[in-house]
Amino acid sequence: MARILVTGATDGIGRRTAEILAGSGAELIVHGRSVAKLDELASALRGVPGAGTITTLVADLADLDQVRAMAAELRARFDALDVLINNAGVFMNDRQLSPQGHELTWSINVLAPLLLSHLLLPALRASEEGGRVIDVASIAHLHGTLRWDDFDLAERFSPYTAYAQSKLALVMLGREFAVRVGGRPLAFSLHPGVVSTKLLRGAFRMEGSDSLSERAATSVWLARAPITRLREHAGDYFVRCEVAPVHPMVCEAKVRARLYAQVCAQVGVAGLPD
């Protein structure tokens, strides 16, 4: 069975994604920043009929040093990884900084998934099918802009501006990553939908109309669909398991390359050749 890492798996869409994948017999690696929540999750997942092995990884993705340590731990314990689901994300109502001095929305939603994807690239490529990277983005990316000289919004912070910018960057970087890795792994991004998660209630003060199962469906489908069905869609953005329109900047190769170079520099990794 596939070996799958789900980040941000202790709550909301991430937890439901893990529950569904556990029921398929996948070998799950679930990430969270709370040991107590992870222990409770692992116990619950092991009780799902048909569940395979469950492994937990603890890290605060706001801290890039912890992202590096988590990737090193995974690579030390496993020789290959079939699927990475970058599900963890935040919406910050106030401007806060990471240990490395980055605004938290940008650090958790953009820097952490890019760094993790790069650090786990050897494990993903060791997968029999070449691996898959799935970034949980948002339809909010359509309203995003990039503050090229101030990704951390030090000059003028707005919660929604920070969130939309981060999701636009995530979709752009997902496509650029897909181009540069040449199909090993395949990479995708998606909008999960509008569901009553902790993020939605805290950020937008509203309830979603979709169920957690509905909103986990696209992540699950991309993780489990036959690889032959997905190869032609490397780098695409999905809504309800269908390819969907993206922000125009996602289609601009030179702009994506500029962003990719800047973000790789921020996290201290050598960018992949184009």
C-alpha atoms as a PDB file:
ATOM      1  CA  MET A   1       0.000   0.000   0.000  1.00  0.00           C
ATOM      2  CA  ALA A   2       1.015   3.604  -0.509  1.00  0.00           C
ATOM      3  CA  ARG A   3       3.035   5.414   2.143  1.00  0.00           C
ATOM      4  CA  ILE A   4       1.483   8.865   2.638  1.00  0.00           C
ATOM      5  CA  LEU A   5       2.471  11.848   4.781  1.00  0.00           C
ATOM      6  CA  VAL A   6      -0.309  14.271   5.743  1.00  0.00           C
ATOM      7  CA  THR A   7       0.764  17.500   7.425  1.00  0.00           C
ATOM      8  CA  GLY A   8      -1.617  19.301   9.739  1.00  0.00           C
ATOM      9  CA  ALA A   9      -3.487  16.054  10.305  1.00  0.00           C
ATOM     10  CA  THR A  10      -4.812  16.577  13.838  1.00  0.00           C
ATOM     11  CA  ASP A  11      -7.748  18.851  12.920  1.00  0.00           C
ATOM     12  CA  GLY A  12     -10.282  19.637  10.240  1.00  0.00           C
ATOM     13  CA  ILE A  13      -9.699  18.645   6.638  1.00  0.00           C
ATOM     14  CA  GLY A  14      -6.315  17.121   7.408  1.00  0.00           C
ATOM     15  CA  ARG A  15      -7.792  14.803  10.007  1.00  0.00           C
ATOM     16  CA  ARG A  16     -10.637  13.737   7.720  1.00  0.00           C
ATOM     17  CA  THR A  17      -8.142  13.133   4.906  1.00  0.00           C
ATOM     18  CA  ALA A  18      -6.121  10.910   7.215  1.00  0.00           C
ATOM     19  CA  GLU A  19      -9.232   9.009   8.341  1.00  0.00           C
ATOM     20  CA  ILE A  20     -10.315   8.247   4.776  1.00  0.00           C
ATOM     21  CA  LEU A  21      -6.818   7.228   3.705  1.00  0.00           C
ATOM     22  CA  ALA A  22      -6.464   5.033   6.796  1.00  0.00           C
ATOM     23  CA  GLY A  23      -9.598   3.176   5.758  1.00  0.00           C
ATOM     24  CA  SER A  24      -8.004   2.423   2.399  1.00  0.00           C
ATOM     25  CA  GLY A  25      -5.163   0.606   4.135  1.00  0.00           C
ATOM     26  CA  ALA A  26      -2.525   3.218   3.355  1.00  0.00           C
ATOM     27  CA  GLU A  27       0.629   3.351   5.443  1.00  0.00           C
ATOM     28  CA  LEU A  28       0.051   6.741   7.040  1.00  0.00           C
ATOM     29  CA  ILE A  29       2.501   9.215   8.486  1.00  0.00           C
ATOM     30  CA  VAL A  30       0.577  11.966  10.243  1.00  0.00           C
ATOM     31  CA  HIS A  31       2.068  15.267  11.324  1.00  0.00           C
ATOM     32  CA  GLY A  32       1.015  17.699  14.036  1.00  0.00           C
ATOM     33  CA  ARG A  33       2.602  20.085  16.492  1.00  0.00           C
ATOM     34  CA  SER A  34       0.919  18.670  19.613  1.00  0.00           C
ATOM     35  CA  VAL A  35       2.070  15.320  20.979  1.00  0.00           C
ATOM     36  CA  ALA A  36      -1.209  14.845  22.837  1.00  0.00           C
ATOM     37  CA  LYS A  37      -3.317  15.505  19.730  1.00  0.00           C
ATOM     38  CA  LEU A  38      -1.142  13.229  17.632  1.00  0.00           C
ATOM     39  CA  ASP A  39      -1.404  10.399  20.150  1.00  0.00           C
ATOM     40  CA  GLU A  40      -5.196  10.732  20.176  1.00  0.00           C
ATOM     41  CA  LEU A  41      -5.290  10.832  16.366  1.00  0.00           C
ATOM     42  CA  ALA A  42      -3.052   7.794  15.986  1.00  0.00           C
ATOM     43  CA  SER A  43      -5.233   5.817  18.402  1.00  0.00           C
ATOM     44  CA  ALA A  44      -8.366   6.786  16.463  1.00  0.00           C
ATOM     45  CA  LEU A  45      -6.816   5.948  13.095  1.00  0.00           C
ATOM     46  CA  ARG A  46      -5.682   2.531  14.267  1.00  0.00           C
ATOM     47  CA  GLY A  47      -9.313   1.819  15.084  1.00  0.00           C
ATOM     48  CA  VAL A  48     -10.495   2.553  11.534  1.00  0.00           C
ATOM     49  CA  PRO A  49     -11.506  -0.696   9.783  1.00  0.00           C
ATOM     50  CA  GLY A  50      -8.836  -1.688   7.290  1.00  0.00           C
ATOM     51  CA  ALA A  51      -6.228   0.689   8.705  1.00  0.00           C
ATOM     52  CA  GLY A  52      -2.575   0.058   7.955  1.00  0.00           C
ATOM     53  CA  THR A  53       0.372   1.232  10.015  1.00  0.00           C
ATOM     54  CA  ILE A  54       0.228   4.701  11.580  1.00  0.00           C
ATOM     55  CA  THR A  55       3.333   6.763  12.328  1.00  0.00           C
ATOM     56  CA  THR A  56       3.413  10.204  13.922  1.00  0.00           C
ATOM     57  CA  LEU A  57       5.785  13.122  13.371  1.00  0.00           C
ATOM     58  CA  VAL A  58       5.870  16.178  15.654  1.00  0.00           C
ATOM     59  CA  ALA A  59       6.982  19.592  14.380  1.00  0.00           C
ATOM     60  CA  ASP A  60       5.958  23.224  14.448  1.00  0.00           C
ATOM     61  CA  LEU A  61       5.993  24.169  10.763  1.00  0.00           C
ATOM     62  CA  ALA A  62       6.400  27.830  11.680  1.00  0.00           C
ATOM     63  CA  ASP A  63       9.986  26.963  12.583  1.00  0.00           C
ATOM     64  CA  LEU A  64      11.994  25.994   9.500  1.00  0.00           C
ATOM     65  CA  ASP A  65      14.557  24.233  11.678  1.00  0.00           C
ATOM     66  CA  GLN A  66      11.803  21.903  12.875  1.00  0.00           C
ATOM     67  CA  VAL A  67      10.724  21.321   9.263  1.00  0.00           C
ATOM     68  CA  ARG A  68      14.281  20.245   8.473  1.00  0.00           C
ATOM     69  CA  ALA A  69      14.407  17.983  11.523  1.00  0.00           C
ATOM     70  CA  MET A  70      11.088  16.358  10.609  1.00  0.00           C
ATOM     71  CA  ALA A  71      12.252  15.683   7.058  1.00  0.00           C
ATOM     72  CA  ALA A  72      15.494  14.189   8.366  1.00  0.00           C
ATOM     73  CA  GLU A  73      13.579  11.938  10.764  1.00  0.00           C
ATOM     74  CA  LEU A  74      11.281  10.707   8.021  1.00  0.00           C
ATOM     75  CA  ARG A  75      14.169   9.962   5.671  1.00  0.00           C
ATOM     76  CA  ALA A  76      16.019   8.112   8.442  1.00  0.00           C
ATOM     77  CA  ARG A  77      12.993   5.920   9.149  1.00  0.00           C
ATOM     78  CA  PHE A  78      11.702   5.306   5.617  1.00  0.00           C
ATOM     79  CA  ASP A  79      13.490   4.666   2.354  1.00  0.00           C
ATOM     80  CA  ALA A  80      10.653   5.984   0.184  1.00  0.00           C
ATOM     81  CA  LEU A  81       7.538   8.145   0.326  1.00  0.00           C
ATOM     82  CA  ASP A  82       4.723   7.759  -2.174  1.00  0.00           C
ATOM     83  CA  VAL A  83       2.638  10.840  -1.401  1.00  0.00           C
ATOM     84  CA  LEU A  84       3.237  14.117   0.433  1.00  0.00           C
ATOM     85  CA  ILE A  85       0.059  16.067   1.239  1.00  0.00           C
ATOM     86  CA  ASN A  86       1.014  19.597   2.300  1.00  0.00           C
ATOM     87  CA  ASN A  87      -2.244  20.207   4.114  1.00  0.00           C
ATOM     88  CA  ALA A  88      -1.166  22.376   7.059  1.00  0.00           C
ATOM     89  CA  GLY A  89      -2.103  26.033   6.739  1.00  0.00           C
ATOM     90  CA  VAL A  90      -3.051  29.069   8.794  1.00  0.00           C
ATOM     91  CA  PHE A  91      -4.943  32.332   8.604  1.00  0.00           C
ATOM     92  CA  MET A  92      -3.453  34.823  11.041  1.00  0.00           C
ATOM     93  CA  ASN A  93      -5.628  37.659  12.340  1.00  0.00           C
ATOM     94  CA  ASP A  94      -2.564  39.433  13.724  1.00  0.00           C
ATOM     95  CA  ARG A  95       0.927  39.819  12.353  1.00  0.00           C
ATOM     96  CA  GLN A  96       3.289  37.439  14.120  1.00  0.00           C
ATOM     97  CA  LEU A  97       6.804  36.328  13.243  1.00  0.00           C
ATOM     98  CA  SER A  98       8.390  32.899  12.982  1.00  0.00           C
ATOM     99  CA  PRO A  99      11.669  32.020  14.736  1.00  0.00           C
ATOM    100  CA  GLN A 100      13.404  32.911  11.457  1.00  0.00           C
ATOM    101  CA  GLY A 101      11.689  36.320  11.355  1.00  0.00           C
ATOM    102  CA  HIS A 102       9.090  35.614   8.678  1.00  0.00           C
ATOM    103  CA  GLU A 103       5.417  36.537   8.959  1.00  0.00           C
ATOM    104  CA  LEU A 104       3.654  33.362  10.075  1.00  0.00           C
ATOM    105  CA  THR A 105       1.139  33.104   7.222  1.00  0.00           C
ATOM    106  CA  TRP A 106       3.975  33.233   4.705  1.00  0.00           C
ATOM    107  CA  SER A 107       6.197  30.911   6.729  1.00  0.00           C
ATOM    108  CA  ILE A 108       3.636  28.152   7.334  1.00  0.00           C
ATOM    109  CA  ASN A 109       1.670  28.360   4.076  1.00  0.00           C
ATOM    110  CA  VAL A 110       4.570  28.908   1.680  1.00  0.00           C
ATOM    111  CA  LEU A 111       8.051  28.390   3.096  1.00  0.00           C
ATOM    112  CA  ALA A 112       7.331  25.185   5.027  1.00  0.00           C
ATOM    113  CA  PRO A 113       5.702  23.235   2.163  1.00  0.00           C
ATOM    114  CA  LEU A 114       8.333  24.304  -0.362  1.00  0.00           C
ATOM    115  CA  LEU A 115      11.149  23.355   2.007  1.00  0.00           C
ATOM    116  CA  LEU A 116       9.540  20.041   2.945  1.00  0.00           C
ATOM    117  CA  SER A 117       8.908  19.126  -0.699  1.00  0.00           C
ATOM    118  CA  HIS A 118      12.554  19.770  -1.556  1.00  0.00           C
ATOM    119  CA  LEU A 119      13.956  17.923   1.449  1.00  0.00           C
ATOM    120  CA  LEU A 120      11.761  14.886   0.768  1.00  0.00           C
ATOM    121  CA  LEU A 121      12.459  14.843  -2.960  1.00  0.00           C
ATOM    122  CA  PRO A 122      14.871  11.853  -2.763  1.00  0.00           C
ATOM    123  CA  ALA A 123      12.306   9.835  -0.783  1.00  0.00           C
ATOM    124  CA  LEU A 124       9.529  10.746  -3.210  1.00  0.00           C
ATOM    125  CA  ARG A 125      11.648   9.821  -6.221  1.00  0.00           C
ATOM    126  CA  ALA A 126      12.419   6.493  -4.553  1.00  0.00           C
ATOM    127  CA  SER A 127       8.704   5.662  -4.756  1.00  0.00           C
ATOM    128  CA  GLU A 128       7.920   3.043  -7.387  1.00  0.00           C
ATOM    129  CA  GLU A 129       5.720   5.520  -9.279  1.00  0.00           C
ATOM    130  CA  GLY A 130       7.944   8.532  -8.676  1.00  0.00           C
ATOM    131  CA  GLY A 131       5.898  10.135  -5.915  1.00  0.00           C
ATOM    132  CA  ARG A 132       3.195  12.777  -5.652  1.00  0.00           C
ATOM    133  CA  VAL A 133       3.128  16.170  -3.924  1.00  0.00           C
ATOM    134  CA  ILE A 134      -0.301  17.635  -3.170  1.00  0.00           C
ATOM    135  CA  ASP A 135      -0.536  21.224  -1.930  1.00  0.00           C
ATOM    136  CA  VAL A 136      -3.785  22.262  -0.258  1.00  0.00           C
ATOM    137  CA  ALA A 137      -4.237  25.832  -1.472  1.00  0.00           C
ATOM    138  CA  SER A 138      -7.423  27.907  -1.729  1.00  0.00           C
ATOM    139  CA  ILE A 139      -9.723  29.655  -4.170  1.00  0.00           C
ATOM    140  CA  ALA A 140      -8.516  32.783  -2.359  1.00  0.00           C
ATOM    141  CA  HIS A 141      -5.393  32.579  -4.521  1.00  0.00           C
ATOM    142  CA  LEU A 142      -7.462  34.107  -7.327  1.00  0.00           C
ATOM    143  CA  HIS A 143      -7.600  37.342  -5.307  1.00  0.00           C
ATOM    144  CA  GLY A 144      -3.944  37.312  -4.291  1.00  0.00           C
ATOM    145  CA  THR A 145      -1.147  39.702  -5.147  1.00  0.00           C
ATOM    146  CA  LEU A 146       2.571  39.353  -4.474  1.00  0.00           C
ATOM    147  CA  ARG A 147       4.410  41.983  -2.452  1.00  0.00           C
ATOM    148  CA  TRP A 148       7.733  41.259  -4.134  1.00  0.00           C
ATOM    149  CA  ASP A 149       9.766  43.416  -1.782  1.00  0.00           C
ATOM    150  CA  ASP A 150       7.725  42.636   1.326  1.00  0.00           C
ATOM    151  CA  PHE A 151       6.356  39.087   1.397  1.00  0.00           C
ATOM    152  CA  ASP A 152       6.230  39.412   5.190  1.00  0.00           C
ATOM    153  CA  LEU A 153       3.956  42.472   4.933  1.00  0.00           C
ATOM    154  CA  ALA A 154       6.011  44.489   7.381  1.00  0.00           C
ATOM    155  CA  GLU A 155       4.850  47.761   5.842  1.00  0.00           C
ATOM    156  CA  ARG A 156       1.121  47.079   5.730  1.00  0.00           C
ATOM    157  CA  PHE A 157      -0.389  43.896   7.151  1.00  0.00           C
ATOM    158  CA  SER A 158      -3.888  42.659   6.377  1.00  0.00           C
ATOM    159  CA  PRO A 159      -4.993  39.147   7.376  1.00  0.00           C
ATOM    160  CA  TYR A 160      -6.759  38.415   4.095  1.00  0.00           C
ATOM    161  CA  THR A 161      -4.012  39.987   1.994  1.00  0.00           C
ATOM    162  CA  ALA A 162      -1.465  37.771   3.739  1.00  0.00           C
ATOM    163  CA  TYR A 163      -3.613  34.666   3.274  1.00  0.00           C
ATOM    164  CA  ALA A 164      -4.461  35.289  -0.386  1.00  0.00           C
ATOM    165  CA  GLN A 165      -0.836  36.124  -1.181  1.00  0.00           C
ATOM    166  CA  SER A 166       0.329  32.906   0.474  1.00  0.00           C
ATOM    167  CA  LYS A 167      -2.126  30.746  -1.447  1.00  0.00           C
ATOM    168  CA  LEU A 168      -1.270  32.440  -4.761  1.00  0.00           C
ATOM    169  CA  ALA A 169       2.408  31.766  -4.070  1.00  0.00           C
ATOM    170  CA  LEU A 170       1.639  28.145  -3.148  1.00  0.00           C
ATOM    171  CA  VAL A 171      -0.187  27.496  -6.445  1.00  0.00           C
ATOM    172  CA  MET A 172       2.565  29.236  -8.430  1.00  0.00           C
ATOM    173  CA  LEU A 173       5.311  27.309  -6.664  1.00  0.00           C
ATOM    174  CA  GLY A 174       3.439  24.033  -7.066  1.00  0.00           C
ATOM    175  CA  ARG A 175       3.349  24.483 -10.820  1.00  0.00           C
ATOM    176  CA  GLU A 176       6.978  25.590 -10.976  1.00  0.00           C
ATOM    177  CA  PHE A 177       8.024  22.608  -8.851  1.00  0.00           C
ATOM    178  CA  ALA A 178       6.065  20.293 -11.154  1.00  0.00           C
ATOM    179  CA  VAL A 179       7.872  21.681 -14.202  1.00  0.00           C
ATOM    180  CA  ARG A 180      11.325  21.425 -12.652  1.00  0.00           C
ATOM    181  CA  VAL A 181      11.028  17.882 -11.299  1.00  0.00           C
ATOM    182  CA  GLY A 182       9.891  16.554 -14.673  1.00  0.00           C
ATOM    183  CA  GLY A 183       7.144  14.288 -13.401  1.00  0.00           C
ATOM    184  CA  ARG A 184       9.111  12.658 -10.572  1.00  0.00           C
ATOM    185  CA  PRO A 185       7.227  13.444  -8.428  1.00  0.00           C
ATOM    186  CA  LEU A 186       3.981  14.680  -9.920  1.00  0.00           C
ATOM    187  CA  ALA A 187       2.813  17.848  -8.165  1.00  0.00           C
ATOM    188  CA  PHE A 188      -0.643  19.388  -7.858  1.00  0.00           C
ATOM    189  CA  SER A 189      -2.512  22.038  -5.893  1.00  0.00           C
ATOM    190  CA  LEU A 190      -6.167  22.228  -4.934  1.00  0.00           C
ATOM    191  CA  HIS A 191      -8.978  24.182  -3.341  1.00  0.00           C
ATOM    192  CA  PRO A 192     -10.634  21.986  -0.694  1.00  0.00           C
ATOM    193  CA  GLY A 193     -13.915  23.927  -0.518  1.00  0.00           C
ATOM    194  CA  VAL A 194     -15.764  25.864   2.131  1.00  0.00           C
ATOM    195  CA  VAL A 195     -16.122  23.783   5.259  1.00  0.00           C
ATOM    196  CA  SER A 196     -16.592  24.659   8.922  1.00  0.00           C
ATOM    197  CA  THR A 197     -13.020  24.161  10.063  1.00  0.00           C
ATOM    198  CA  LYS A 198     -11.147  25.904  12.841  1.00  0.00           C
ATOM    199  CA  LEU A 199      -9.441  28.051  10.197  1.00  0.00           C
ATOM    200  CA  LEU A 200     -12.702  29.130   8.534  1.00  0.00           C
ATOM    201  CA  ARG A 201     -14.471  29.984  11.776  1.00  0.00           C
ATOM    202  CA  GLY A 202     -11.486  31.822  13.201  1.00  0.00           C
ATOM    203  CA  ALA A 203     -10.543  33.673  10.032  1.00  0.00           C
ATOM    204  CA  PHE A 204     -13.854  34.464   8.356  1.00  0.00           C
ATOM    205  CA  ARG A 205     -16.344  34.143  11.239  1.00  0.00           C
ATOM    206  CA  MET A 206     -18.547  31.903   9.098  1.00  0.00           C
ATOM    207  CA  GLU A 207     -19.706  28.325   8.714  1.00  0.00           C
ATOM    208  CA  GLY A 208     -19.049  26.317   5.562  1.00  0.00           C
ATOM    209  CA  SER A 209     -21.666  24.517   3.517  1.00  0.00           C
ATOM    210  CA  ASP A 210     -19.574  21.448   2.690  1.00  0.00           C
ATOM    211  CA  SER A 211     -18.865  18.414   4.842  1.00  0.00           C
ATOM    212  CA  LEU A 212     -15.371  17.483   5.913  1.00  0.00           C
ATOM    213  CA  SER A 213     -15.570  14.375   3.738  1.00  0.00           C
ATOM    214  CA  GLU A 214     -16.486  16.461   0.694  1.00  0.00           C
ATOM    215  CA  ARG A 215     -13.615  18.841   1.351  1.00  0.00           C
ATOM    216  CA  ALA A 216     -11.096  16.053   1.848  1.00  0.00           C
ATOM    217  CA  ALA A 217     -12.249  14.349  -1.348  1.00  0.00           C
ATOM    218  CA  THR A 218      -9.905  16.112  -3.765  1.00  0.00           C
ATOM    219  CA  SER A 219      -6.808  15.468  -1.641  1.00  0.00           C
ATOM    220  CA  VAL A 220      -7.808  11.817  -1.307  1.00  0.00           C
ATOM    221  CA  TRP A 221      -8.531  11.492  -5.022  1.00  0.00           C
ATOM    222  CA  LEU A 222      -5.183  12.981  -6.011  1.00  0.00           C
ATOM    223  CA  ALA A 223      -3.428  10.662  -3.560  1.00  0.00           C
ATOM    224  CA  ARG A 224      -5.170   7.525  -4.796  1.00  0.00           C
ATOM    225  CA  ALA A 225      -6.047   8.012  -8.483  1.00  0.00           C
ATOM    226  CA  PRO A 226      -4.147   5.846 -10.985  1.00  0.00           C
ATOM    227  CA  ILE A 227      -0.890   7.530 -11.896  1.00  0.00           C
ATOM    228  CA  THR A 228      -1.744   7.218 -15.596  1.00  0.00           C
ATOM    229  CA  ARG A 229      -4.833   9.355 -14.998  1.00  0.00           C
ATOM    230  CA  LEU A 230      -2.773  12.141 -13.453  1.00  0.00           C
ATOM    231  CA  ARG A 231       0.390  12.400 -15.529  1.00  0.00           C
ATOM    232  CA  GLU A 232      -1.050  14.873 -18.022  1.00  0.00           C
ATOM    233  CA  HIS A 233      -2.163  17.140 -15.157  1.00  0.00           C
ATOM    234  CA  ALA A 234       1.192  17.713 -13.431  1.00  0.00           C
ATOM    235  CA  GLY A 235       1.193  21.225 -11.993  1.00  0.00           C
ATOM    236  CA  ASP A 236      -2.558  21.708 -12.360  1.00  0.00           C
ATOM    237  CA  TYR A 237      -4.936  23.162  -9.781  1.00  0.00           C
ATOM    238  CA  PHE A 238      -8.044  21.173  -8.863  1.00  0.00           C
ATOM    239  CA  VAL A 239     -11.473  21.974  -7.448  1.00  0.00           C
ATOM    240  CA  ARG A 240     -13.843  19.065  -6.719  1.00  0.00           C
ATOM    241  CA  CYS A 241     -11.456  16.644  -8.441  1.00  0.00           C
ATOM    242  CA  GLU A 242     -11.511  18.642 -11.680  1.00  0.00           C
ATOM    243  CA  VAL A 243      -8.897  20.943 -13.196  1.00  0.00           C
ATOM    244  CA  ALA A 244      -9.906  24.549 -12.508  1.00  0.00           C
ATOM    245  CA  PRO A 245      -8.837  28.032 -13.674  1.00  0.00           C
ATOM    246  CA  VAL A 246      -5.927  29.710 -11.915  1.00  0.00           C
ATOM    247  CA  HIS A 247      -4.680  33.239 -11.328  1.00  0.00           C
ATOM    248  CA  PRO A 248      -2.998  34.548 -14.525  1.00  0.00           C
ATOM    249  CA  MET A 249       0.372  34.804 -12.747  1.00  0.00           C
ATOM    250  CA  VAL A 250       0.408  31.015 -12.330  1.00  0.00           C
ATOM    251  CA  CYS A 251       0.726  30.726 -16.114  1.00  0.00           C
ATOM    252  CA  GLU A 252       3.642  33.161 -16.417  1.00  0.00           C
ATOM    253  CA  ALA A 253       6.837  31.105 -16.427  1.00  0.00           C
ATOM    254  CA  LYS A 254       9.216  34.025 -15.829  1.00  0.00           C
ATOM    255  CA  VAL A 255       7.157  35.267 -12.885  1.00  0.00           C
ATOM    256  CA  ARG A 256       6.977  31.777 -11.370  1.00  0.00           C
ATOM    257  CA  ALA A 257      10.729  31.378 -11.787  1.00  0.00           C
ATOM    258  CA  ARG A 258      11.349  34.708 -10.050  1.00  0.00           C
ATOM    259  CA  LEU A 259       9.167  33.698  -7.106  1.00  0.00           C
ATOM    260  CA  TYR A 260      10.735  30.246  -6.933  1.00  0.00           C
ATOM    261  CA  ALA A 261      14.242  31.718  -6.775  1.00  0.00           C
ATOM    262  CA  GLN A 262      13.283  34.150  -4.019  1.00  0.00           C
ATOM    263  CA  VAL A 263      11.533  31.534  -1.888  1.00  0.00           C
ATOM    264  CA  CYS A 264      14.349  29.002  -2.307  1.00  0.00           C
ATOM    265  CA  ALA A 265      16.728  31.705  -1.090  1.00  0.00           C
ATOM    266  CA  GLN A 266      14.494  32.375   1.918  1.00  0.00           C
ATOM    267  CA  VAL A 267      14.548  28.736   3.019  1.00  0.00           C
ATOM    268  CA  GLY A 268      18.165  28.102   2.072  1.00  0.00           C
ATOM    269  CA  VAL A 269      17.814  25.405  -0.571  1.00  0.00           C
ATOM    270  CA  ALA A 270      19.401  25.229  -3.980  1.00  0.00           C
ATOM    271  CA  GLY A 271      16.644  25.571  -6.528  1.00  0.00           C
ATOM    272  CA  LEU A 272      16.107  22.812  -9.044  1.00  0.00           C
ATOM    273  CA  PRO A 273      17.182  23.638 -12.630  1.00  0.00           C
ATOM    274  CA  ASP A 274      14.462  24.744 -14.997  1.00  0.00           C
END
